[in-house]
C-alpha cells in the first residue's frame, strides 16, 4: 500500500499526520509526505509549534498514479494554505478523477471544497466547517467517521483527533483494496 499525505509547509496538526502515518507503516504500507515546497514541514500541537518532518515529494513531482490513496491531515492553517495552492488542489482533484480513495480529517475538507469534489457527498469534519460544506453542496453529519461512496471514489472523513483510531481503521481498509 502506497499512501500519499498532503500537507502545507506549516500548520498541520501533528497527531493527525503522525497517527495515520504510523497506521500505514504498521500495516506494512509506505507513506510519502507531499507538500507545496521542498525541505521540511512544521507541524503544530493546536497553536504551538511541534516537530518538523522531511518532505518526500512536492506537488509538482507527485501523481495519483503512484498511490493507492490520499490522506489529508487537518489543522486550521494547513488546509487553508493548501486550498490557495492550485497545484495542491489539482493533485487532490486527480485522486477523485482517478477513483482513488481520499481520507480527510478535521479542517482538511476545506481543501476538498476548493477542489470542488464535495457536491452530493456526505461527510463529517470539525464542526466549524459544517456551513462551508453545506454551501458547497455536501451533506454534513456529526459522526466519528463517515465513509461516503456516493461519487467517483470512496471518501473517508472524521471530525477530530479523538476520532483517529476509527479514521485510521476506515482508510486502511479502503486503501488496501
N, C-alpha and C. Protein backbone atom coordinates (compact mmCIF):
# COMPACT_ATOMS: atom_id res chain seq x y z
N UNK A 1 0.84 -1.18 0.00
CA UNK A 1 0.00 0.00 0.00
C UNK A 1 0.89 1.24 0.00
N UNK A 2 0.65 2.11 -0.95
CA UNK A 2 1.35 3.39 -1.05
C UNK A 2 0.35 4.49 -0.68
N UNK A 3 0.66 5.25 0.38
CA UNK A 3 -0.26 6.29 0.83
C UNK A 3 0.40 7.66 0.73
N UNK A 4 -0.29 8.58 0.06
CA UNK A 4 0.18 9.96 -0.06
C UNK A 4 -0.40 10.78 1.09
N UNK A 5 0.43 11.57 1.74
CA UNK A 5 0.00 12.50 2.78
C UNK A 5 0.31 13.90 2.28
N UNK A 6 -0.71 14.70 2.05
CA UNK A 6 -0.52 16.05 1.51
C UNK A 6 -0.70 17.08 2.62
N UNK A 7 0.34 17.90 2.82
CA UNK A 7 0.29 18.94 3.85
C UNK A 7 0.98 20.20 3.33
N UNK A 8 0.60 21.33 3.93
CA UNK A 8 1.25 22.60 3.63
C UNK A 8 2.57 22.68 4.39
N UNK A 9 3.45 23.60 4.04
CA UNK A 9 4.72 23.73 4.75
C UNK A 9 4.58 24.02 6.25
N UNK A 10 3.45 24.60 6.65
CA UNK A 10 3.21 24.87 8.06
C UNK A 10 1.75 24.64 8.39
N UNK A 11 1.49 24.28 9.65
CA UNK A 11 0.13 24.29 10.14
C UNK A 11 -0.58 22.97 10.29
N UNK A 12 0.06 21.86 9.93
CA UNK A 12 -0.58 20.56 10.10
C UNK A 12 -0.68 20.22 11.58
N UNK A 13 -1.82 19.72 11.99
CA UNK A 13 -1.98 19.21 13.36
C UNK A 13 -1.17 17.92 13.45
N UNK A 14 -0.10 17.92 14.25
CA UNK A 14 0.88 16.84 14.24
C UNK A 14 0.25 15.46 14.41
N UNK A 15 -0.61 15.28 15.39
CA UNK A 15 -1.17 13.95 15.65
C UNK A 15 -2.01 13.46 14.47
N UNK A 16 -2.58 14.39 13.69
CA UNK A 16 -3.38 13.99 12.52
C UNK A 16 -2.49 13.61 11.34
N UNK A 17 -1.21 13.87 11.46
CA UNK A 17 -0.22 13.38 10.49
C UNK A 17 0.44 12.11 11.01
N UNK A 18 0.92 12.15 12.25
CA UNK A 18 1.74 11.05 12.76
C UNK A 18 0.96 9.77 13.05
N UNK A 19 -0.26 9.89 13.56
CA UNK A 19 -1.01 8.67 13.88
C UNK A 19 -1.44 7.93 12.61
N UNK A 20 -1.99 8.61 11.59
CA UNK A 20 -2.28 7.90 10.34
C UNK A 20 -1.01 7.37 9.65
N UNK A 21 0.07 8.14 9.72
CA UNK A 21 1.35 7.71 9.14
C UNK A 21 1.79 6.41 9.78
N UNK A 22 1.73 6.35 11.11
CA UNK A 22 2.11 5.13 11.84
C UNK A 22 1.18 3.98 11.49
N UNK A 23 -0.09 4.26 11.31
CA UNK A 23 -1.04 3.21 10.94
C UNK A 23 -0.67 2.60 9.58
N UNK A 24 -0.28 3.44 8.63
CA UNK A 24 0.14 2.94 7.31
C UNK A 24 1.41 2.09 7.46
N UNK A 25 2.36 2.58 8.23
CA UNK A 25 3.61 1.85 8.44
C UNK A 25 3.35 0.50 9.12
N UNK A 26 2.52 0.49 10.15
CA UNK A 26 2.19 -0.73 10.88
C UNK A 26 1.51 -1.75 9.96
N UNK A 27 0.76 -1.27 8.98
CA UNK A 27 0.08 -2.14 8.02
C UNK A 27 1.01 -2.54 6.87
N UNK A 28 2.32 -2.32 7.05
CA UNK A 28 3.34 -2.64 6.05
C UNK A 28 3.17 -1.83 4.77
N UNK A 29 2.61 -0.65 4.90
CA UNK A 29 2.48 0.25 3.77
C UNK A 29 3.62 1.26 3.74
N UNK A 30 3.64 2.05 2.68
CA UNK A 30 4.67 3.07 2.52
C UNK A 30 4.01 4.44 2.43
N UNK A 31 4.17 5.26 3.48
CA UNK A 31 3.64 6.62 3.42
C UNK A 31 4.67 7.56 2.79
N UNK A 32 4.19 8.55 2.06
CA UNK A 32 5.05 9.58 1.46
C UNK A 32 4.48 10.94 1.81
N UNK A 33 5.35 11.84 2.25
CA UNK A 33 4.92 13.18 2.62
C UNK A 33 5.08 14.11 1.41
N UNK A 34 3.97 14.70 0.99
CA UNK A 34 3.93 15.60 -0.15
C UNK A 34 3.58 16.99 0.36
N UNK A 35 4.27 17.99 -0.16
CA UNK A 35 3.97 19.36 0.22
C UNK A 35 4.15 20.28 -0.99
N UNK A 36 3.86 21.54 -0.78
CA UNK A 36 3.97 22.52 -1.86
C UNK A 36 5.37 23.07 -2.00
N UNK A 37 6.27 22.71 -1.07
CA UNK A 37 7.66 23.17 -1.11
C UNK A 37 8.57 22.04 -0.62
N UNK A 38 9.81 22.09 -1.03
CA UNK A 38 10.79 21.10 -0.57
C UNK A 38 11.24 21.42 0.86
N UNK A 39 12.01 20.52 1.43
CA UNK A 39 12.56 20.75 2.76
C UNK A 39 11.79 20.01 3.83
N UNK A 40 11.38 20.75 4.85
CA UNK A 40 10.64 20.16 5.97
C UNK A 40 9.35 20.92 6.18
N UNK A 41 8.36 20.22 6.74
CA UNK A 41 7.11 20.87 7.12
C UNK A 41 7.09 21.03 8.63
N UNK A 42 6.49 22.12 9.08
CA UNK A 42 6.37 22.42 10.51
C UNK A 42 4.98 22.01 10.98
N UNK A 43 4.95 21.01 11.86
CA UNK A 43 3.67 20.58 12.43
C UNK A 43 3.38 21.38 13.70
N UNK A 44 2.14 21.30 14.14
CA UNK A 44 1.70 22.05 15.33
C UNK A 44 0.89 21.15 16.26
N UNK A 45 0.94 21.49 17.55
CA UNK A 45 0.01 20.97 18.55
C UNK A 45 -0.93 22.14 18.81
N UNK A 46 -2.07 22.13 18.16
CA UNK A 46 -3.02 23.25 18.20
C UNK A 46 -2.31 24.50 17.66
N UNK A 47 -2.01 25.48 18.50
CA UNK A 47 -1.37 26.72 18.03
C UNK A 47 0.13 26.78 18.33
N UNK A 48 0.66 25.73 18.94
CA UNK A 48 2.08 25.71 19.31
C UNK A 48 2.88 24.87 18.33
N UNK A 49 4.07 25.37 17.97
CA UNK A 49 4.94 24.60 17.08
C UNK A 49 5.29 23.27 17.72
N UNK A 50 5.33 22.24 16.88
CA UNK A 50 5.69 20.90 17.33
C UNK A 50 6.93 20.46 16.53
N UNK A 51 6.91 19.27 15.98
CA UNK A 51 8.06 18.74 15.26
C UNK A 51 8.04 19.14 13.78
N UNK A 52 9.18 18.92 13.13
CA UNK A 52 9.26 19.09 11.68
C UNK A 52 9.43 17.72 11.04
N UNK A 53 9.01 17.61 9.79
CA UNK A 53 9.06 16.34 9.07
C UNK A 53 9.57 16.58 7.66
N UNK A 54 10.45 15.71 7.16
CA UNK A 54 11.01 15.90 5.82
C UNK A 54 10.00 15.59 4.71
N UNK A 55 10.01 16.44 3.70
CA UNK A 55 9.13 16.28 2.54
C UNK A 55 9.76 15.25 1.60
N UNK A 56 8.95 14.30 1.14
CA UNK A 56 9.42 13.30 0.17
C UNK A 56 9.26 13.78 -1.26
N UNK A 57 8.15 14.46 -1.54
CA UNK A 57 7.85 14.92 -2.90
C UNK A 57 7.12 16.25 -2.82
N UNK A 58 7.27 17.06 -3.85
CA UNK A 58 6.44 18.25 -3.94
C UNK A 58 5.22 17.92 -4.80
N UNK A 59 4.23 18.79 -4.74
CA UNK A 59 3.03 18.57 -5.55
C UNK A 59 3.36 18.55 -7.05
N UNK A 60 4.46 19.19 -7.44
CA UNK A 60 4.87 19.17 -8.85
C UNK A 60 5.40 17.81 -9.28
N UNK A 61 5.91 17.02 -8.32
CA UNK A 61 6.51 15.72 -8.63
C UNK A 61 5.61 14.55 -8.29
N UNK A 62 4.51 14.79 -7.61
CA UNK A 62 3.61 13.72 -7.18
C UNK A 62 2.49 13.53 -8.19
N UNK A 63 2.08 12.28 -8.34
CA UNK A 63 0.94 11.95 -9.19
C UNK A 63 0.12 10.88 -8.51
N UNK A 64 -1.18 10.95 -8.66
CA UNK A 64 -2.06 9.98 -8.02
C UNK A 64 -1.80 8.56 -8.51
N UNK A 65 -1.23 8.42 -9.69
CA UNK A 65 -0.95 7.09 -10.24
C UNK A 65 0.02 6.29 -9.38
N UNK A 66 0.83 6.97 -8.58
CA UNK A 66 1.83 6.30 -7.75
C UNK A 66 1.29 5.88 -6.39
N UNK A 67 0.02 6.15 -6.10
CA UNK A 67 -0.51 5.92 -4.76
C UNK A 67 -1.83 5.18 -4.78
N UNK A 68 -2.08 4.47 -3.68
CA UNK A 68 -3.35 3.76 -3.51
C UNK A 68 -4.41 4.66 -2.88
N UNK A 69 -3.99 5.74 -2.24
CA UNK A 69 -4.93 6.66 -1.62
C UNK A 69 -4.23 7.90 -1.11
N UNK A 70 -5.05 8.89 -0.73
CA UNK A 70 -4.56 10.17 -0.26
C UNK A 70 -5.11 10.45 1.14
N UNK A 71 -4.22 10.88 2.05
CA UNK A 71 -4.62 11.30 3.39
C UNK A 71 -4.39 12.81 3.50
N UNK A 72 -5.41 13.50 3.97
CA UNK A 72 -5.33 14.94 4.20
C UNK A 72 -5.47 15.21 5.70
N UNK A 73 -4.35 15.41 6.40
CA UNK A 73 -4.42 15.77 7.81
C UNK A 73 -5.01 17.17 7.97
N UNK A 74 -5.48 17.46 9.16
CA UNK A 74 -6.09 18.76 9.41
C UNK A 74 -5.13 19.76 10.03
N UNK A 75 -5.67 20.53 10.96
CA UNK A 75 -5.01 21.71 11.47
C UNK A 75 -5.65 22.88 10.74
N UNK A 76 -5.87 23.97 11.40
CA UNK A 76 -6.58 25.08 10.76
C UNK A 76 -5.77 25.69 9.61
N UNK A 77 -4.49 25.98 9.84
CA UNK A 77 -3.69 26.68 8.83
C UNK A 77 -3.34 25.79 7.63
N UNK A 78 -3.18 24.50 7.86
CA UNK A 78 -2.75 23.57 6.81
C UNK A 78 -3.71 23.56 5.62
N UNK A 79 -4.99 23.19 5.80
CA UNK A 79 -5.88 23.17 4.62
C UNK A 79 -6.16 24.56 4.06
N UNK A 80 -6.08 25.57 4.92
CA UNK A 80 -6.29 26.93 4.42
C UNK A 80 -5.19 27.30 3.43
N UNK A 81 -3.94 26.92 3.73
CA UNK A 81 -2.83 27.17 2.81
C UNK A 81 -2.94 26.31 1.56
N UNK A 82 -3.30 25.03 1.73
CA UNK A 82 -3.39 24.13 0.58
C UNK A 82 -4.44 24.60 -0.41
N UNK A 83 -5.57 25.09 0.09
CA UNK A 83 -6.63 25.47 -0.84
C UNK A 83 -6.30 26.71 -1.65
N UNK A 84 -5.24 27.42 -1.27
CA UNK A 84 -4.78 28.57 -2.04
C UNK A 84 -3.72 28.19 -3.08
N UNK A 85 -3.29 26.94 -3.07
CA UNK A 85 -2.25 26.47 -4.00
C UNK A 85 -2.92 25.63 -5.10
N UNK A 86 -2.94 26.16 -6.32
CA UNK A 86 -3.62 25.48 -7.43
C UNK A 86 -3.05 24.10 -7.70
N UNK A 87 -1.75 23.94 -7.50
CA UNK A 87 -1.13 22.63 -7.74
C UNK A 87 -1.61 21.60 -6.72
N UNK A 88 -1.73 22.01 -5.46
CA UNK A 88 -2.21 21.11 -4.41
C UNK A 88 -3.67 20.74 -4.67
N UNK A 89 -4.46 21.72 -5.02
CA UNK A 89 -5.88 21.48 -5.31
C UNK A 89 -6.02 20.52 -6.49
N UNK A 90 -5.21 20.71 -7.52
CA UNK A 90 -5.25 19.83 -8.70
C UNK A 90 -4.86 18.40 -8.32
N UNK A 91 -3.88 18.25 -7.45
CA UNK A 91 -3.47 16.91 -7.02
C UNK A 91 -4.62 16.23 -6.27
N UNK A 92 -5.26 16.96 -5.38
CA UNK A 92 -6.41 16.40 -4.66
C UNK A 92 -7.49 15.96 -5.65
N UNK A 93 -7.83 16.84 -6.56
CA UNK A 93 -8.87 16.52 -7.55
C UNK A 93 -8.49 15.30 -8.38
N UNK A 94 -7.21 15.13 -8.67
CA UNK A 94 -6.77 14.00 -9.50
C UNK A 94 -7.08 12.65 -8.84
N UNK A 95 -7.03 12.59 -7.51
CA UNK A 95 -7.37 11.33 -6.83
C UNK A 95 -8.86 11.01 -7.03
N UNK A 96 -9.71 12.02 -6.99
CA UNK A 96 -11.14 11.82 -7.23
C UNK A 96 -11.37 11.40 -8.68
N UNK A 97 -10.73 12.10 -9.61
CA UNK A 97 -10.90 11.78 -11.03
C UNK A 97 -10.45 10.36 -11.35
N UNK A 98 -9.43 9.87 -10.64
CA UNK A 98 -8.91 8.52 -10.86
C UNK A 98 -9.68 7.46 -10.08
N UNK A 99 -10.65 7.89 -9.27
CA UNK A 99 -11.44 6.93 -8.49
C UNK A 99 -10.71 6.36 -7.30
N UNK A 100 -9.68 7.06 -6.83
CA UNK A 100 -8.89 6.55 -5.70
C UNK A 100 -9.41 7.13 -4.38
N UNK A 101 -9.33 6.36 -3.30
CA UNK A 101 -9.87 6.81 -2.02
C UNK A 101 -9.10 7.99 -1.44
N UNK A 102 -9.85 8.84 -0.76
CA UNK A 102 -9.29 10.02 -0.08
C UNK A 102 -9.82 10.03 1.34
N UNK A 103 -8.92 10.29 2.29
CA UNK A 103 -9.28 10.37 3.70
C UNK A 103 -8.91 11.76 4.21
N UNK A 104 -9.87 12.45 4.84
CA UNK A 104 -9.65 13.81 5.32
C UNK A 104 -10.19 13.95 6.74
N UNK A 105 -9.42 14.62 7.60
CA UNK A 105 -9.84 14.76 8.99
C UNK A 105 -9.82 16.23 9.42
N UNK A 106 -10.73 16.56 10.32
CA UNK A 106 -10.78 17.86 10.99
C UNK A 106 -11.09 18.99 10.00
N UNK A 107 -10.14 19.92 9.80
CA UNK A 107 -10.34 21.04 8.88
C UNK A 107 -9.95 20.71 7.42
N UNK A 108 -9.42 19.52 7.18
CA UNK A 108 -8.95 19.16 5.84
C UNK A 108 -10.02 19.27 4.75
N UNK A 109 -11.31 19.07 5.04
CA UNK A 109 -12.29 19.23 3.96
C UNK A 109 -12.34 20.61 3.31
N UNK A 110 -11.72 21.62 3.92
CA UNK A 110 -11.62 22.91 3.23
C UNK A 110 -10.92 22.74 1.88
N UNK A 111 -9.90 21.91 1.84
CA UNK A 111 -9.19 21.66 0.58
C UNK A 111 -10.11 20.93 -0.40
N UNK A 112 -10.94 20.02 0.11
CA UNK A 112 -11.88 19.30 -0.74
C UNK A 112 -12.92 20.26 -1.34
N UNK A 113 -13.35 21.23 -0.55
CA UNK A 113 -14.29 22.24 -1.06
C UNK A 113 -13.66 22.99 -2.23
N UNK A 114 -12.41 23.41 -2.04
CA UNK A 114 -11.72 24.16 -3.11
C UNK A 114 -11.54 23.32 -4.36
N UNK A 115 -11.34 22.02 -4.18
CA UNK A 115 -11.18 21.10 -5.32
C UNK A 115 -12.53 20.78 -5.99
N UNK A 116 -13.61 21.30 -5.41
CA UNK A 116 -14.95 21.11 -5.95
C UNK A 116 -15.32 19.64 -6.08
N UNK A 117 -15.07 18.87 -5.00
CA UNK A 117 -15.34 17.43 -5.03
C UNK A 117 -16.32 16.98 -3.94
N UNK A 118 -16.98 17.91 -3.25
CA UNK A 118 -17.87 17.51 -2.16
C UNK A 118 -19.36 17.55 -2.52
N UNK A 119 -19.72 18.17 -3.62
CA UNK A 119 -21.14 18.26 -4.00
C UNK A 119 -21.74 16.86 -4.11
N UNK A 120 -22.85 16.64 -3.42
CA UNK A 120 -23.52 15.34 -3.46
C UNK A 120 -22.93 14.30 -2.53
N UNK A 121 -21.89 14.66 -1.80
CA UNK A 121 -21.23 13.71 -0.90
C UNK A 121 -21.69 13.96 0.53
N UNK A 122 -21.58 12.95 1.38
CA UNK A 122 -21.88 13.06 2.80
C UNK A 122 -20.58 12.89 3.56
N UNK A 123 -20.28 13.87 4.42
CA UNK A 123 -19.03 13.80 5.16
C UNK A 123 -19.15 14.51 6.50
N UNK A 124 -18.11 14.32 7.29
CA UNK A 124 -18.01 14.97 8.58
C UNK A 124 -16.73 15.77 8.61
N UNK A 125 -16.58 16.58 9.65
CA UNK A 125 -15.41 17.45 9.78
C UNK A 125 -15.45 18.07 11.17
N UNK A 126 -14.48 18.94 11.42
CA UNK A 126 -14.57 19.78 12.60
C UNK A 126 -15.87 20.58 12.45
N UNK A 127 -16.65 20.76 13.51
CA UNK A 127 -17.98 21.38 13.39
C UNK A 127 -18.01 22.74 12.71
N UNK A 128 -16.96 23.53 12.82
CA UNK A 128 -16.99 24.87 12.22
C UNK A 128 -17.02 24.85 10.69
N UNK A 129 -16.76 23.71 10.06
CA UNK A 129 -16.81 23.60 8.60
C UNK A 129 -18.19 23.22 8.08
N UNK A 130 -19.11 22.93 8.99
CA UNK A 130 -20.45 22.46 8.62
C UNK A 130 -21.10 23.36 7.57
N UNK A 131 -21.16 24.66 7.81
CA UNK A 131 -21.81 25.58 6.88
C UNK A 131 -21.06 25.65 5.56
N UNK A 132 -19.72 25.67 5.61
CA UNK A 132 -18.93 25.70 4.38
C UNK A 132 -19.23 24.48 3.52
N UNK A 133 -19.30 23.32 4.15
CA UNK A 133 -19.56 22.09 3.40
C UNK A 133 -20.97 22.08 2.82
N UNK A 134 -21.93 22.50 3.61
CA UNK A 134 -23.31 22.56 3.10
C UNK A 134 -23.41 23.55 1.94
N UNK A 135 -22.75 24.70 2.06
CA UNK A 135 -22.77 25.69 0.98
C UNK A 135 -22.11 25.15 -0.30
N UNK A 136 -21.21 24.20 -0.15
CA UNK A 136 -20.53 23.60 -1.30
C UNK A 136 -21.30 22.40 -1.86
N UNK A 137 -22.47 22.12 -1.28
CA UNK A 137 -23.31 21.06 -1.82
C UNK A 137 -23.20 19.72 -1.14
N UNK A 138 -22.50 19.65 -0.02
CA UNK A 138 -22.34 18.40 0.71
C UNK A 138 -23.40 18.28 1.80
N UNK A 139 -23.58 17.08 2.27
CA UNK A 139 -24.39 16.82 3.46
C UNK A 139 -23.41 16.59 4.60
N UNK A 140 -23.56 17.36 5.68
CA UNK A 140 -22.65 17.25 6.82
C UNK A 140 -23.33 16.44 7.91
N UNK A 141 -22.57 15.50 8.51
CA UNK A 141 -23.06 14.70 9.63
C UNK A 141 -22.05 14.78 10.77
N UNK A 142 -22.54 14.67 11.99
CA UNK A 142 -21.68 14.68 13.17
C UNK A 142 -21.45 13.24 13.60
N UNK A 143 -20.46 12.60 12.97
CA UNK A 143 -20.15 11.19 13.25
C UNK A 143 -18.64 11.04 13.38
N UNK A 144 -18.24 10.03 14.12
CA UNK A 144 -16.82 9.77 14.35
C UNK A 144 -16.06 9.54 13.04
N UNK A 145 -16.64 8.77 12.17
CA UNK A 145 -16.06 8.54 10.85
C UNK A 145 -17.22 8.37 9.88
N UNK A 146 -17.08 8.94 8.69
CA UNK A 146 -18.10 8.80 7.66
C UNK A 146 -17.42 8.29 6.40
N UNK A 147 -17.94 7.20 5.88
CA UNK A 147 -17.44 6.63 4.64
C UNK A 147 -18.52 6.87 3.58
N UNK A 148 -18.18 7.65 2.58
CA UNK A 148 -19.13 8.01 1.53
C UNK A 148 -18.67 7.40 0.20
N UNK A 149 -19.57 6.63 -0.39
CA UNK A 149 -19.27 6.01 -1.70
C UNK A 149 -20.15 6.60 -2.80
N UNK A 150 -20.84 7.69 -2.50
CA UNK A 150 -21.74 8.33 -3.48
C UNK A 150 -20.96 9.29 -4.38
N UNK A 151 -20.03 8.75 -5.13
CA UNK A 151 -19.22 9.58 -6.01
C UNK A 151 -18.24 8.71 -6.77
N UNK A 152 -17.26 9.31 -7.41
CA UNK A 152 -16.32 8.56 -8.23
C UNK A 152 -15.30 7.75 -7.42
N UNK A 153 -15.24 8.01 -6.11
CA UNK A 153 -14.29 7.33 -5.24
C UNK A 153 -14.90 7.21 -3.85
N UNK A 154 -14.16 6.55 -2.97
CA UNK A 154 -14.58 6.47 -1.57
C UNK A 154 -13.94 7.63 -0.83
N UNK A 155 -14.76 8.33 -0.05
CA UNK A 155 -14.30 9.47 0.74
C UNK A 155 -14.51 9.13 2.21
N UNK A 156 -13.42 9.14 2.97
CA UNK A 156 -13.45 8.83 4.40
C UNK A 156 -13.14 10.11 5.16
N UNK A 157 -14.02 10.51 6.08
CA UNK A 157 -13.80 11.74 6.84
C UNK A 157 -14.04 11.49 8.33
N UNK A 158 -13.34 12.29 9.14
CA UNK A 158 -13.51 12.27 10.59
C UNK A 158 -13.44 13.69 11.12
N UNK A 159 -13.87 13.87 12.38
CA UNK A 159 -14.05 15.20 12.95
C UNK A 159 -12.82 15.79 13.63
N UNK A 160 -12.06 14.95 14.38
CA UNK A 160 -11.06 15.50 15.30
C UNK A 160 -10.07 14.42 15.72
N UNK A 161 -9.00 14.81 16.42
CA UNK A 161 -8.01 13.83 16.86
C UNK A 161 -8.58 12.65 17.65
N UNK A 162 -9.60 12.87 18.44
CA UNK A 162 -10.17 11.76 19.21
C UNK A 162 -10.75 10.67 18.31
N UNK A 163 -11.04 11.01 17.04
CA UNK A 163 -11.60 10.05 16.08
C UNK A 163 -10.52 9.27 15.33
N UNK A 164 -9.26 9.55 15.61
CA UNK A 164 -8.18 8.95 14.81
C UNK A 164 -8.20 7.42 14.76
N UNK A 165 -8.45 6.69 15.85
CA UNK A 165 -8.47 5.22 15.71
C UNK A 165 -9.49 4.74 14.66
N UNK A 166 -10.70 5.28 14.69
CA UNK A 166 -11.72 4.88 13.72
C UNK A 166 -11.36 5.36 12.31
N UNK A 167 -10.81 6.56 12.22
CA UNK A 167 -10.38 7.12 10.94
C UNK A 167 -9.32 6.24 10.29
N UNK A 168 -8.30 5.88 11.06
CA UNK A 168 -7.21 5.05 10.52
C UNK A 168 -7.72 3.68 10.10
N UNK A 169 -8.54 3.08 10.91
CA UNK A 169 -9.10 1.76 10.57
C UNK A 169 -9.88 1.83 9.26
N UNK A 170 -10.68 2.88 9.10
CA UNK A 170 -11.52 3.01 7.90
C UNK A 170 -10.69 3.26 6.65
N UNK A 171 -9.72 4.17 6.72
CA UNK A 171 -8.98 4.45 5.48
C UNK A 171 -8.03 3.30 5.14
N UNK A 172 -7.47 2.63 6.14
CA UNK A 172 -6.60 1.48 5.84
C UNK A 172 -7.36 0.38 5.13
N UNK A 173 -8.58 0.11 5.57
CA UNK A 173 -9.39 -0.92 4.92
C UNK A 173 -9.64 -0.55 3.45
N UNK A 174 -9.91 0.72 3.20
CA UNK A 174 -10.19 1.17 1.83
C UNK A 174 -8.94 1.21 0.97
N UNK A 175 -7.82 1.69 1.51
CA UNK A 175 -6.58 1.79 0.74
C UNK A 175 -6.03 0.41 0.39
N UNK A 176 -6.38 -0.60 1.16
CA UNK A 176 -5.85 -1.95 0.96
C UNK A 176 -6.55 -2.74 -0.15
N UNK A 177 -7.64 -2.20 -0.66
CA UNK A 177 -8.39 -2.92 -1.72
C UNK A 177 -7.59 -3.02 -2.99
